[in-house]
Amino acid sequence: MKSITYLVAFFATTIVAASLPGESGYYLRRADEMAEGNNPIADLSVTDERFGDEVFVGTAKSIYEQMKERKPELFVNETDVSETEPSLEKRQGTFNCNWYSNINDAVGQWWWCHEGTAYLRKLGTAWCYVDAPAPACARVSCSNSCGMFLCNKQPRRVEVHCKDIATDIAAIANQCGSSNIGYAGGARDFASHFIGLRGQRC
């Protein structure tokens, strides 16, 4: 009977501890859930002033396609926004290169992420947001098994320009990836949110 009691207490303590934010601001419960379930915790929502108050829900790719179907005239003069190499930029944010559990959770090759970052850049200054309080995360993209996440660290919704997520993903790959093997993964931390990059089954 005592062993059962101890076992229950152990699991209860583990659940509570995993639900609390660490000193770095990362919410372990959400990271653990993504690692185990490979599912987004909250929907990614996007607003764009060109569409008034309409809210689009999905991934960067599906939302872009919804917008283009709704108002194709806005996308007539599109230019190529593909990226071949991860780049450095001026946005400030600390890196956590150990955000994923182990090397097998990293993205196998950086180029797997090009499609996802291209759609984020196509969305431009549209607002990508998580309409749920911390520690909610939204899976922004999952093209070619490259999982990108926008994770909230505050009690109200967090929103960022969609193109900035692409910039942060490239910076994570540059800072935390391996130039020899090509894998990439990690997180970039800001005051209100963090951006995560890891392998995902899509």
N, C-alpha and C. Protein backbone atom coordinates (compact mmCIF):
# COMPACT_ATOMS: atom_id res chain seq x y z
N MET A 1 0.84 -1.20 0.00
CA MET A 1 0.00 0.00 0.00
C MET A 1 0.87 1.25 0.00
N LYS A 2 1.95 1.21 0.81
CA LYS A 2 2.85 2.36 0.87
C LYS A 2 3.50 2.62 -0.49
N SER A 3 3.87 1.51 -1.17
CA SER A 3 4.52 1.69 -2.47
C SER A 3 3.59 2.35 -3.47
N ILE A 4 2.30 2.01 -3.41
CA ILE A 4 1.32 2.63 -4.31
C ILE A 4 1.20 4.11 -3.99
N THR A 5 1.14 4.43 -2.68
CA THR A 5 1.04 5.83 -2.27
C THR A 5 2.23 6.64 -2.75
N TYR A 6 3.43 6.06 -2.59
CA TYR A 6 4.64 6.75 -3.03
C TYR A 6 4.63 6.95 -4.55
N LEU A 7 4.13 5.93 -5.27
CA LEU A 7 4.10 6.01 -6.72
C LEU A 7 3.16 7.12 -7.18
N VAL A 8 1.98 7.20 -6.56
CA VAL A 8 1.02 8.25 -6.90
C VAL A 8 1.61 9.62 -6.60
N ALA A 9 2.26 9.74 -5.46
CA ALA A 9 2.87 11.01 -5.07
C ALA A 9 3.96 11.42 -6.05
N PHE A 10 4.72 10.41 -6.50
CA PHE A 10 5.80 10.70 -7.46
C PHE A 10 5.25 11.26 -8.76
N PHE A 11 4.23 10.61 -9.30
CA PHE A 11 3.65 11.07 -10.56
C PHE A 11 3.00 12.43 -10.40
N ALA A 12 2.35 12.67 -9.27
CA ALA A 12 1.71 13.97 -9.04
C ALA A 12 2.75 15.07 -8.99
N THR A 13 3.87 14.78 -8.31
CA THR A 13 4.95 15.76 -8.22
C THR A 13 5.55 16.03 -9.59
N THR A 14 5.71 14.96 -10.38
CA THR A 14 6.28 15.11 -11.72
C THR A 14 5.41 15.97 -12.60
N ILE A 15 4.08 15.76 -12.53
CA ILE A 15 3.15 16.53 -13.35
C ILE A 15 3.18 17.99 -12.97
N VAL A 16 3.16 18.28 -11.66
CA VAL A 16 3.19 19.66 -11.20
C VAL A 16 4.48 20.34 -11.61
N ALA A 17 5.60 19.65 -11.40
CA ALA A 17 6.89 20.24 -11.73
C ALA A 17 7.01 20.52 -13.21
N ALA A 18 6.48 19.61 -14.03
CA ALA A 18 6.57 19.80 -15.48
C ALA A 18 5.67 20.90 -15.97
N SER A 19 4.69 21.30 -15.15
CA SER A 19 3.77 22.35 -15.56
C SER A 19 4.29 23.74 -15.27
N LEU A 20 5.33 23.82 -14.46
CA LEU A 20 5.83 25.12 -14.04
C LEU A 20 6.93 25.60 -14.96
N PRO A 21 7.02 26.91 -15.18
CA PRO A 21 8.09 27.45 -16.03
C PRO A 21 9.43 27.36 -15.33
N GLY A 22 10.47 27.08 -16.11
CA GLY A 22 11.81 27.07 -15.55
C GLY A 22 12.35 28.47 -15.47
N GLU A 23 13.56 28.61 -14.96
CA GLU A 23 14.17 29.92 -14.80
C GLU A 23 14.38 30.60 -16.15
N SER A 24 14.56 29.80 -17.19
CA SER A 24 14.81 30.37 -18.51
C SER A 24 13.54 30.87 -19.17
N GLY A 25 12.38 30.57 -18.59
CA GLY A 25 11.13 31.01 -19.19
C GLY A 25 10.50 29.98 -20.10
N TYR A 26 11.14 28.84 -20.29
CA TYR A 26 10.58 27.80 -21.13
C TYR A 26 9.63 26.93 -20.32
N TYR A 27 8.48 26.66 -20.87
CA TYR A 27 7.48 25.88 -20.17
C TYR A 27 7.63 24.42 -20.56
N LEU A 28 8.18 23.63 -19.63
CA LEU A 28 8.56 22.27 -19.94
C LEU A 28 7.37 21.39 -20.32
N ARG A 29 6.20 21.65 -19.74
CA ARG A 29 5.06 20.78 -20.03
C ARG A 29 4.72 20.83 -21.51
N ARG A 30 4.74 21.99 -22.08
CA ARG A 30 4.40 22.10 -23.49
C ARG A 30 5.47 21.45 -24.37
N ALA A 31 6.71 21.64 -24.05
CA ALA A 31 7.76 21.02 -24.84
C ALA A 31 7.65 19.50 -24.77
N ASP A 32 7.36 18.98 -23.57
CA ASP A 32 7.20 17.54 -23.41
C ASP A 32 6.03 17.02 -24.22
N GLU A 33 4.93 17.73 -24.20
CA GLU A 33 3.76 17.29 -24.95
C GLU A 33 4.03 17.27 -26.45
N MET A 34 4.76 18.25 -26.93
CA MET A 34 5.07 18.28 -28.36
C MET A 34 5.99 17.13 -28.72
N ALA A 35 6.90 16.80 -27.83
CA ALA A 35 7.83 15.71 -28.11
C ALA A 35 7.10 14.38 -28.15
N GLU A 36 6.10 14.20 -27.30
CA GLU A 36 5.41 12.92 -27.21
C GLU A 36 4.28 12.81 -28.23
N GLY A 37 3.52 13.88 -28.39
CA GLY A 37 2.33 13.79 -29.22
C GLY A 37 2.51 14.29 -30.63
N ASN A 38 3.58 15.06 -30.87
CA ASN A 38 3.82 15.64 -32.19
C ASN A 38 2.62 16.39 -32.71
N ASN A 39 1.92 17.09 -31.84
CA ASN A 39 0.74 17.86 -32.22
C ASN A 39 0.86 19.28 -31.70
N PRO A 40 0.28 20.24 -32.42
CA PRO A 40 0.26 21.61 -31.89
C PRO A 40 -0.65 21.68 -30.68
N ILE A 41 -0.34 22.58 -29.76
CA ILE A 41 -1.14 22.74 -28.57
C ILE A 41 -2.29 23.71 -28.82
N ALA A 42 -2.06 24.73 -29.62
CA ALA A 42 -3.10 25.71 -29.96
C ALA A 42 -3.02 25.99 -31.45
N ASP A 43 -4.10 26.50 -32.00
CA ASP A 43 -4.10 26.84 -33.42
C ASP A 43 -3.28 28.10 -33.67
N LEU A 44 -2.58 28.13 -34.79
CA LEU A 44 -1.96 29.36 -35.24
C LEU A 44 -3.04 30.21 -35.87
N SER A 45 -3.13 31.46 -35.45
CA SER A 45 -4.09 32.40 -36.03
C SER A 45 -3.32 33.53 -36.70
N VAL A 46 -3.88 34.05 -37.78
CA VAL A 46 -3.24 35.13 -38.53
C VAL A 46 -4.26 36.18 -38.91
N THR A 47 -3.89 37.45 -38.71
CA THR A 47 -4.71 38.56 -39.19
C THR A 47 -3.86 39.42 -40.11
N ASP A 48 -4.53 40.04 -41.08
CA ASP A 48 -3.86 40.89 -42.07
C ASP A 48 -4.80 42.05 -42.35
N GLU A 49 -4.30 43.26 -42.24
CA GLU A 49 -5.16 44.44 -42.41
C GLU A 49 -5.84 44.47 -43.78
N ARG A 50 -5.28 43.80 -44.76
CA ARG A 50 -5.89 43.76 -46.09
C ARG A 50 -7.18 42.94 -46.11
N PHE A 51 -7.39 42.15 -45.04
CA PHE A 51 -8.59 41.32 -44.95
C PHE A 51 -9.49 41.77 -43.80
N GLY A 52 -9.30 42.98 -43.33
CA GLY A 52 -10.14 43.52 -42.27
C GLY A 52 -9.97 42.74 -40.97
N ASP A 53 -11.10 42.39 -40.35
CA ASP A 53 -11.09 41.69 -39.07
C ASP A 53 -11.08 40.17 -39.22
N GLU A 54 -10.97 39.68 -40.43
CA GLU A 54 -11.01 38.23 -40.64
C GLU A 54 -9.80 37.55 -40.01
N VAL A 55 -10.03 36.41 -39.38
CA VAL A 55 -8.97 35.64 -38.74
C VAL A 55 -8.80 34.33 -39.50
N PHE A 56 -7.59 34.06 -39.91
CA PHE A 56 -7.27 32.82 -40.61
C PHE A 56 -6.60 31.86 -39.63
N VAL A 57 -6.94 30.60 -39.73
CA VAL A 57 -6.42 29.60 -38.79
C VAL A 57 -5.82 28.44 -39.58
N GLY A 58 -4.68 27.95 -39.13
CA GLY A 58 -4.04 26.82 -39.79
C GLY A 58 -2.54 26.87 -39.63
N THR A 59 -1.81 26.54 -40.69
CA THR A 59 -0.36 26.70 -40.73
C THR A 59 -0.03 27.84 -41.68
N ALA A 60 1.21 28.26 -41.70
CA ALA A 60 1.60 29.35 -42.59
C ALA A 60 1.22 29.04 -44.04
N LYS A 61 1.45 27.80 -44.45
CA LYS A 61 1.14 27.40 -45.83
C LYS A 61 -0.35 27.44 -46.10
N SER A 62 -1.14 26.81 -45.24
CA SER A 62 -2.59 26.76 -45.49
C SER A 62 -3.23 28.14 -45.39
N ILE A 63 -2.73 28.97 -44.49
CA ILE A 63 -3.28 30.32 -44.34
C ILE A 63 -2.94 31.17 -45.57
N TYR A 64 -1.72 31.05 -46.05
CA TYR A 64 -1.34 31.77 -47.27
C TYR A 64 -2.24 31.35 -48.43
N GLU A 65 -2.50 30.06 -48.55
CA GLU A 65 -3.35 29.57 -49.64
C GLU A 65 -4.79 30.06 -49.49
N GLN A 66 -5.27 30.14 -48.24
CA GLN A 66 -6.61 30.69 -48.01
C GLN A 66 -6.68 32.15 -48.45
N MET A 67 -5.68 32.92 -48.08
CA MET A 67 -5.65 34.33 -48.45
C MET A 67 -5.59 34.51 -49.96
N LYS A 68 -4.75 33.73 -50.60
CA LYS A 68 -4.58 33.86 -52.05
C LYS A 68 -5.85 33.48 -52.79
N GLU A 69 -6.56 32.48 -52.28
CA GLU A 69 -7.83 32.09 -52.89
C GLU A 69 -8.89 33.17 -52.71
N ARG A 70 -8.86 33.82 -51.55
CA ARG A 70 -9.85 34.85 -51.24
C ARG A 70 -9.63 36.12 -52.06
N LYS A 71 -8.36 36.55 -52.15
CA LYS A 71 -8.05 37.79 -52.87
C LYS A 71 -6.80 37.58 -53.73
N PRO A 72 -6.94 36.85 -54.83
CA PRO A 72 -5.77 36.54 -55.68
C PRO A 72 -5.08 37.77 -56.23
N GLU A 73 -5.81 38.87 -56.36
CA GLU A 73 -5.21 40.08 -56.92
C GLU A 73 -4.09 40.63 -56.05
N LEU A 74 -4.10 40.28 -54.76
CA LEU A 74 -3.06 40.77 -53.86
C LEU A 74 -1.72 40.06 -54.08
N PHE A 75 -1.76 38.94 -54.78
CA PHE A 75 -0.56 38.11 -54.89
C PHE A 75 -0.06 37.99 -56.33
N VAL A 76 -0.52 38.87 -57.19
CA VAL A 76 -0.16 38.80 -58.61
C VAL A 76 1.32 39.06 -58.84
N ASN A 77 1.87 40.03 -58.15
CA ASN A 77 3.26 40.44 -58.38
C ASN A 77 4.22 39.87 -57.35
N GLU A 78 3.99 38.64 -56.94
CA GLU A 78 4.86 38.02 -55.95
C GLU A 78 6.26 37.81 -56.51
N THR A 79 7.24 37.95 -55.65
CA THR A 79 8.62 37.67 -56.03
C THR A 79 9.09 36.45 -55.26
N ASP A 80 10.18 35.87 -55.71
CA ASP A 80 10.73 34.69 -55.06
C ASP A 80 11.29 35.08 -53.70
N VAL A 81 10.80 34.40 -52.66
CA VAL A 81 11.28 34.71 -51.31
C VAL A 81 12.00 33.51 -50.70
N SER A 82 12.44 32.59 -51.54
CA SER A 82 13.11 31.40 -51.03
C SER A 82 14.44 31.78 -50.42
N GLU A 83 14.90 30.93 -49.52
CA GLU A 83 16.17 31.18 -48.83
C GLU A 83 17.00 29.92 -48.91
N THR A 84 18.24 30.05 -49.28
CA THR A 84 19.09 28.88 -49.44
C THR A 84 19.99 28.64 -48.24
N GLU A 85 20.29 29.68 -47.49
CA GLU A 85 21.18 29.55 -46.34
C GLU A 85 20.59 30.28 -45.14
N PRO A 86 20.77 29.71 -43.94
CA PRO A 86 20.36 30.45 -42.75
C PRO A 86 21.20 31.70 -42.61
N SER A 87 20.59 32.77 -42.13
CA SER A 87 21.31 34.05 -42.09
C SER A 87 21.24 34.68 -40.71
N LEU A 88 22.13 35.62 -40.47
CA LEU A 88 22.12 36.40 -39.25
C LEU A 88 21.28 37.65 -39.47
N GLU A 89 20.72 38.22 -38.42
CA GLU A 89 19.91 39.43 -38.53
C GLU A 89 20.01 40.22 -37.24
N LYS A 90 19.30 41.35 -37.17
CA LYS A 90 19.46 42.29 -36.08
C LYS A 90 18.53 42.04 -34.90
N ARG A 91 17.51 41.19 -35.05
CA ARG A 91 16.60 40.95 -33.93
C ARG A 91 17.36 40.34 -32.76
N GLN A 92 17.00 40.77 -31.56
CA GLN A 92 17.67 40.30 -30.37
C GLN A 92 16.88 39.16 -29.73
N GLY A 93 17.58 38.18 -29.23
CA GLY A 93 16.93 37.07 -28.57
C GLY A 93 17.98 36.02 -28.24
N THR A 94 17.91 35.44 -27.05
CA THR A 94 18.88 34.43 -26.66
C THR A 94 18.49 33.08 -27.24
N PHE A 95 19.46 32.21 -27.37
CA PHE A 95 19.24 30.91 -28.00
C PHE A 95 19.32 29.78 -26.98
N ASN A 96 18.49 28.79 -27.17
CA ASN A 96 18.53 27.56 -26.38
C ASN A 96 18.69 26.41 -27.36
N CYS A 97 19.92 26.01 -27.59
CA CYS A 97 20.18 24.98 -28.60
C CYS A 97 19.83 23.58 -28.12
N ASN A 98 19.47 23.44 -26.87
CA ASN A 98 19.08 22.13 -26.32
C ASN A 98 17.58 22.03 -26.11
N TRP A 99 16.80 22.84 -26.84
CA TRP A 99 15.35 22.84 -26.64
C TRP A 99 14.74 21.48 -26.95
N TYR A 100 15.21 20.83 -28.00
CA TYR A 100 14.69 19.49 -28.32
C TYR A 100 15.39 18.46 -27.44
N SER A 101 14.83 17.26 -27.36
CA SER A 101 15.31 16.27 -26.40
C SER A 101 16.68 15.71 -26.76
N ASN A 102 16.89 15.30 -28.00
CA ASN A 102 18.16 14.73 -28.42
C ASN A 102 18.34 14.95 -29.92
N ILE A 103 19.46 14.50 -30.44
CA ILE A 103 19.78 14.77 -31.83
C ILE A 103 18.73 14.21 -32.78
N ASN A 104 18.07 13.14 -32.39
CA ASN A 104 17.04 12.55 -33.24
C ASN A 104 15.80 13.43 -33.36
N ASP A 105 15.66 14.42 -32.47
CA ASP A 105 14.53 15.33 -32.53
C ASP A 105 14.84 16.58 -33.35
N ALA A 106 16.05 16.73 -33.81
CA ALA A 106 16.41 17.89 -34.63
C ALA A 106 15.89 17.69 -36.05
N VAL A 107 15.84 18.77 -36.80
CA VAL A 107 15.50 18.69 -38.23
C VAL A 107 16.69 18.09 -38.96
N GLY A 108 16.46 17.07 -39.76
CA GLY A 108 17.56 16.35 -40.38
C GLY A 108 18.43 17.19 -41.30
N GLN A 109 17.81 18.07 -42.08
CA GLN A 109 18.54 18.93 -43.00
C GLN A 109 17.89 20.31 -43.01
N TRP A 110 18.70 21.36 -43.01
CA TRP A 110 18.16 22.72 -42.97
C TRP A 110 17.25 23.00 -44.16
N TRP A 111 17.57 22.48 -45.33
CA TRP A 111 16.77 22.81 -46.52
C TRP A 111 15.35 22.28 -46.39
N TRP A 112 15.11 21.32 -45.48
CA TRP A 112 13.74 20.85 -45.27
C TRP A 112 12.84 21.99 -44.79
N CYS A 113 13.44 23.01 -44.21
CA CYS A 113 12.67 24.12 -43.64
C CYS A 113 12.39 25.24 -44.64
N HIS A 114 12.97 25.18 -45.81
CA HIS A 114 12.86 26.29 -46.76
C HIS A 114 11.42 26.58 -47.15
N GLU A 115 10.62 25.53 -47.36
CA GLU A 115 9.23 25.78 -47.77
C GLU A 115 8.47 26.52 -46.68
N GLY A 116 8.63 26.08 -45.44
CA GLY A 116 7.92 26.73 -44.33
C GLY A 116 8.31 28.18 -44.15
N THR A 117 9.62 28.46 -44.19
CA THR A 117 10.05 29.84 -44.02
C THR A 117 9.63 30.71 -45.21
N ALA A 118 9.56 30.11 -46.40
CA ALA A 118 9.12 30.87 -47.57
C ALA A 118 7.68 31.34 -47.40
N TYR A 119 6.81 30.47 -46.89
CA TYR A 119 5.41 30.87 -46.68
C TYR A 119 5.29 31.93 -45.59
N LEU A 120 6.11 31.82 -44.56
CA LEU A 120 6.09 32.85 -43.52
C LEU A 120 6.51 34.20 -44.07
N ARG A 121 7.52 34.21 -44.93
CA ARG A 121 7.95 35.47 -45.53
C ARG A 121 6.90 36.01 -46.49
N LYS A 122 6.18 35.11 -47.17
CA LYS A 122 5.11 35.55 -48.06
C LYS A 122 3.98 36.22 -47.27
N LEU A 123 3.77 35.77 -46.04
CA LEU A 123 2.75 36.40 -45.19
C LEU A 123 3.21 37.78 -44.71
N GLY A 124 4.51 38.02 -44.75
CA GLY A 124 5.05 39.36 -44.49
C GLY A 124 4.70 39.92 -43.13
N THR A 125 4.09 41.11 -43.14
CA THR A 125 3.77 41.80 -41.89
C THR A 125 2.40 41.43 -41.33
N ALA A 126 1.79 40.41 -41.88
CA ALA A 126 0.58 39.87 -41.24
C ALA A 126 0.96 39.41 -39.84
N TRP A 127 -0.01 39.42 -38.93
CA TRP A 127 0.27 39.04 -37.54
C TRP A 127 0.01 37.56 -37.33
N CYS A 128 1.05 36.83 -36.97
CA CYS A 128 0.91 35.44 -36.53
C CYS A 128 0.77 35.45 -35.01
N TYR A 129 -0.23 34.76 -34.48
CA TYR A 129 -0.38 34.81 -33.03
C TYR A 129 -0.95 33.52 -32.44
N VAL A 130 -0.69 33.36 -31.15
CA VAL A 130 -1.25 32.28 -30.35
C VAL A 130 -2.33 32.90 -29.48
N ASP A 131 -3.57 32.56 -29.75
CA ASP A 131 -4.68 33.16 -29.01
C ASP A 131 -5.01 32.33 -27.77
N ALA A 132 -3.99 32.08 -26.99
CA ALA A 132 -4.13 31.30 -25.75
C ALA A 132 -2.99 31.72 -24.83
N PRO A 133 -3.23 31.73 -23.53
CA PRO A 133 -2.19 32.18 -22.59
C PRO A 133 -1.06 31.17 -22.45
N ALA A 134 0.03 31.61 -21.86
CA ALA A 134 1.16 30.73 -21.57
C ALA A 134 0.67 29.55 -20.72
N PRO A 135 1.20 28.37 -20.99
CA PRO A 135 2.35 28.07 -21.85
C PRO A 135 1.97 27.49 -23.21
N ALA A 136 0.96 28.03 -23.85
CA ALA A 136 0.50 27.48 -25.12
C ALA A 136 1.49 27.71 -26.26
N CYS A 137 1.56 26.73 -27.15
CA CYS A 137 2.37 26.83 -28.36
C CYS A 137 1.49 26.54 -29.57
N ALA A 138 1.81 27.15 -30.68
CA ALA A 138 1.15 26.84 -31.95
C ALA A 138 2.20 26.33 -32.93
N ARG A 139 1.85 25.27 -33.64
CA ARG A 139 2.76 24.80 -34.69
C ARG A 139 2.52 25.66 -35.91
N VAL A 140 3.52 26.44 -36.25
CA VAL A 140 3.41 27.41 -37.34
C VAL A 140 3.54 26.73 -38.70
N SER A 141 4.43 25.76 -38.78
CA SER A 141 4.68 25.06 -40.04
C SER A 141 5.22 23.67 -39.75
N CYS A 142 4.95 22.77 -40.70
CA CYS A 142 5.49 21.41 -40.54
C CYS A 142 5.82 20.81 -41.90
N SER A 143 6.20 21.63 -42.86
CA SER A 143 6.55 21.13 -44.18
C SER A 143 7.84 20.31 -44.11
N ASN A 144 7.83 19.16 -44.77
CA ASN A 144 9.03 18.32 -44.87
C ASN A 144 9.61 17.94 -43.52
N SER A 145 8.74 17.70 -42.54
CA SER A 145 9.16 17.28 -41.19
C SER A 145 9.95 18.33 -40.45
N CYS A 146 9.86 19.58 -40.88
CA CYS A 146 10.50 20.69 -40.17
C CYS A 146 9.44 21.41 -39.35
N GLY A 147 9.43 21.16 -38.05
CA GLY A 147 8.42 21.75 -37.17
C GLY A 147 8.87 23.10 -36.63
N MET A 148 8.02 24.11 -36.82
CA MET A 148 8.29 25.46 -36.31
C MET A 148 7.18 25.85 -35.36
N PHE A 149 7.54 26.41 -34.21
CA PHE A 149 6.57 26.70 -33.16
C PHE A 149 6.68 28.13 -32.66
N LEU A 150 5.52 28.73 -32.42
CA LEU A 150 5.41 30.02 -31.75
C LEU A 150 4.80 29.74 -30.39
N CYS A 151 5.53 30.04 -29.32
CA CYS A 151 5.10 29.68 -27.97
C CYS A 151 4.94 30.92 -27.09
N ASN A 152 3.82 30.98 -26.42
CA ASN A 152 3.48 32.13 -25.59
C ASN A 152 4.10 32.02 -24.20
N LYS A 153 4.55 33.15 -23.66
CA LYS A 153 5.11 33.19 -22.31
C LYS A 153 4.37 34.18 -21.42
N GLN A 154 3.23 34.66 -21.85
CA GLN A 154 2.50 35.65 -21.08
C GLN A 154 1.02 35.25 -20.94
N PRO A 155 0.27 35.90 -20.04
CA PRO A 155 -1.11 35.49 -19.76
C PRO A 155 -2.12 35.94 -20.81
N ARG A 156 -1.71 36.64 -21.81
CA ARG A 156 -2.61 37.07 -22.89
C ARG A 156 -2.00 36.62 -24.22
N ARG A 157 -2.75 36.80 -25.28
CA ARG A 157 -2.26 36.32 -26.56
C ARG A 157 -0.97 37.04 -26.97
N VAL A 158 -0.13 36.34 -27.70
CA VAL A 158 1.12 36.91 -28.19
C VAL A 158 1.07 36.92 -29.71
N GLU A 159 1.51 38.01 -30.31
CA GLU A 159 1.51 38.10 -31.77
C GLU A 159 2.81 38.70 -32.27
N VAL A 160 3.28 38.19 -33.39
CA VAL A 160 4.50 38.69 -34.02
C VAL A 160 4.27 38.73 -35.53
N HIS A 161 5.04 39.53 -36.22
CA HIS A 161 4.95 39.53 -37.68
C HIS A 161 5.41 38.16 -38.20
N CYS A 162 4.64 37.61 -39.11
CA CYS A 162 4.93 36.26 -39.60
C CYS A 162 6.34 36.16 -40.19
N LYS A 163 6.76 37.19 -40.92
CA LYS A 163 8.08 37.14 -41.54
C LYS A 163 9.20 37.10 -40.50
N ASP A 164 8.94 37.64 -39.29
CA ASP A 164 9.95 37.62 -38.24
C ASP A 164 10.18 36.20 -37.72
N ILE A 165 9.15 35.37 -37.78
CA ILE A 165 9.32 33.97 -37.37
C ILE A 165 10.30 33.28 -38.31
N ALA A 166 10.17 33.56 -39.61
CA ALA A 166 11.11 33.00 -40.59
C ALA A 166 12.54 33.44 -40.28
N THR A 167 12.69 34.70 -39.92
CA THR A 167 14.01 35.24 -39.57
C THR A 167 14.57 34.52 -38.35
N ASP A 168 13.72 34.30 -37.35
CA ASP A 168 14.18 33.62 -36.13
C ASP A 168 14.53 32.16 -36.39
N ILE A 169 13.74 31.49 -37.22
CA ILE A 169 14.02 30.10 -37.56
C ILE A 169 15.38 29.99 -38.24
N ALA A 170 15.66 30.90 -39.18
CA ALA A 170 16.95 30.90 -39.86
C ALA A 170 18.09 31.17 -38.88
N ALA A 171 17.84 32.06 -37.92
CA ALA A 171 18.87 32.38 -36.93
C ALA A 171 19.14 31.18 -36.02
N ILE A 172 18.08 30.45 -35.65
CA ILE A 172 18.25 29.25 -34.84
C ILE A 172 19.10 28.23 -35.58
N ALA A 173 18.79 28.03 -36.86
CA ALA A 173 19.56 27.08 -37.67
C ALA A 173 21.01 27.50 -37.77
N ASN A 174 21.25 28.79 -37.89
CA ASN A 174 22.61 29.31 -38.00
C ASN A 174 23.37 29.16 -36.68
N GLN A 175 22.68 29.42 -35.57
CA GLN A 175 23.32 29.40 -34.25
C GLN A 175 23.45 27.99 -33.70
N CYS A 176 22.44 27.16 -33.92
CA CYS A 176 22.37 25.86 -33.24
C CYS A 176 22.56 24.67 -34.17
N GLY A 177 22.59 24.89 -35.48
CA GLY A 177 22.71 23.78 -36.41
C GLY A 177 24.14 23.34 -36.60
N SER A 178 24.30 22.29 -37.39
CA SER A 178 25.63 21.76 -37.70
C SER A 178 25.92 21.97 -39.17
N SER A 179 26.96 22.71 -39.47
CA SER A 179 27.32 22.96 -40.87
C SER A 179 27.86 21.69 -41.53
N ASN A 180 28.40 20.77 -40.72
CA ASN A 180 28.97 19.54 -41.28
C ASN A 180 27.89 18.53 -41.65
N ILE A 181 26.91 18.37 -40.74
CA ILE A 181 25.87 17.36 -40.95
C ILE A 181 24.63 17.98 -41.58
N GLY A 182 24.35 19.23 -41.25
CA GLY A 182 23.20 19.90 -41.83
C GLY A 182 21.97 19.93 -40.96
N TYR A 183 21.98 19.25 -39.81
CA TYR A 183 20.79 19.25 -38.96
C TYR A 183 20.63 20.59 -38.26
N ALA A 184 19.40 20.86 -37.82
CA ALA A 184 19.12 22.12 -37.14
C ALA A 184 18.03 21.90 -36.10
N GLY A 185 18.06 22.72 -35.06
CA GLY A 185 17.03 22.64 -34.02
C GLY A 185 17.41 23.50 -32.84
N GLY A 186 16.41 23.94 -32.10
CA GLY A 186 16.65 24.78 -30.94
C GLY A 186 15.53 25.77 -30.77
N ALA A 187 15.76 26.78 -29.95
CA ALA A 187 14.74 27.80 -29.70
C ALA A 187 15.40 29.16 -29.56
N ARG A 188 14.60 30.19 -29.81
CA ARG A 188 15.06 31.56 -29.62
C ARG A 188 14.08 32.25 -28.67
N ASP A 189 14.62 32.80 -27.62
CA ASP A 189 13.80 33.31 -26.51
C ASP A 189 13.68 34.83 -26.54
N PHE A 190 12.44 35.31 -26.39
CA PHE A 190 12.16 36.74 -26.26
C PHE A 190 11.35 36.95 -24.98
N ALA A 191 11.12 38.19 -24.61
CA ALA A 191 10.43 38.48 -23.36
C ALA A 191 9.01 37.92 -23.33
N SER A 192 8.30 37.99 -24.45
CA SER A 192 6.89 37.60 -24.47
C SER A 192 6.65 36.22 -25.06
N HIS A 193 7.64 35.66 -25.76
CA HIS A 193 7.41 34.40 -26.47
C HIS A 193 8.75 33.76 -26.81
N PHE A 194 8.70 32.54 -27.31
CA PHE A 194 9.90 31.97 -27.92
C PHE A 194 9.52 31.22 -29.18
N ILE A 195 10.47 31.12 -30.08
CA ILE A 195 10.30 30.41 -31.34
C ILE A 195 11.08 29.11 -31.26
N GLY A 196 10.43 28.00 -31.58
CA GLY A 196 11.08 26.70 -31.50
C GLY A 196 11.21 26.03 -32.86
N LEU A 197 12.29 25.30 -33.04
CA LEU A 197 12.55 24.55 -34.27
C LEU A 197 12.97 23.14 -33.90
N ARG A 198 12.27 22.15 -34.45
CA ARG A 198 12.59 20.75 -34.18
C ARG A 198 11.95 19.88 -35.25
N GLY A 199 12.39 18.64 -35.33
CA GLY A 199 11.79 17.72 -36.27
C GLY A 199 10.39 17.35 -35.83
N GLN A 200 9.51 17.13 -36.81
CA GLN A 200 8.12 16.75 -36.53
C GLN A 200 7.65 15.76 -37.57
N ARG A 201 6.81 14.83 -37.15
CA ARG A 201 6.14 13.95 -38.11
C ARG A 201 4.91 14.67 -38.63
N CYS A 202 4.88 14.97 -39.90
CA CYS A 202 3.81 15.79 -40.47
C CYS A 202 2.82 14.93 -41.27
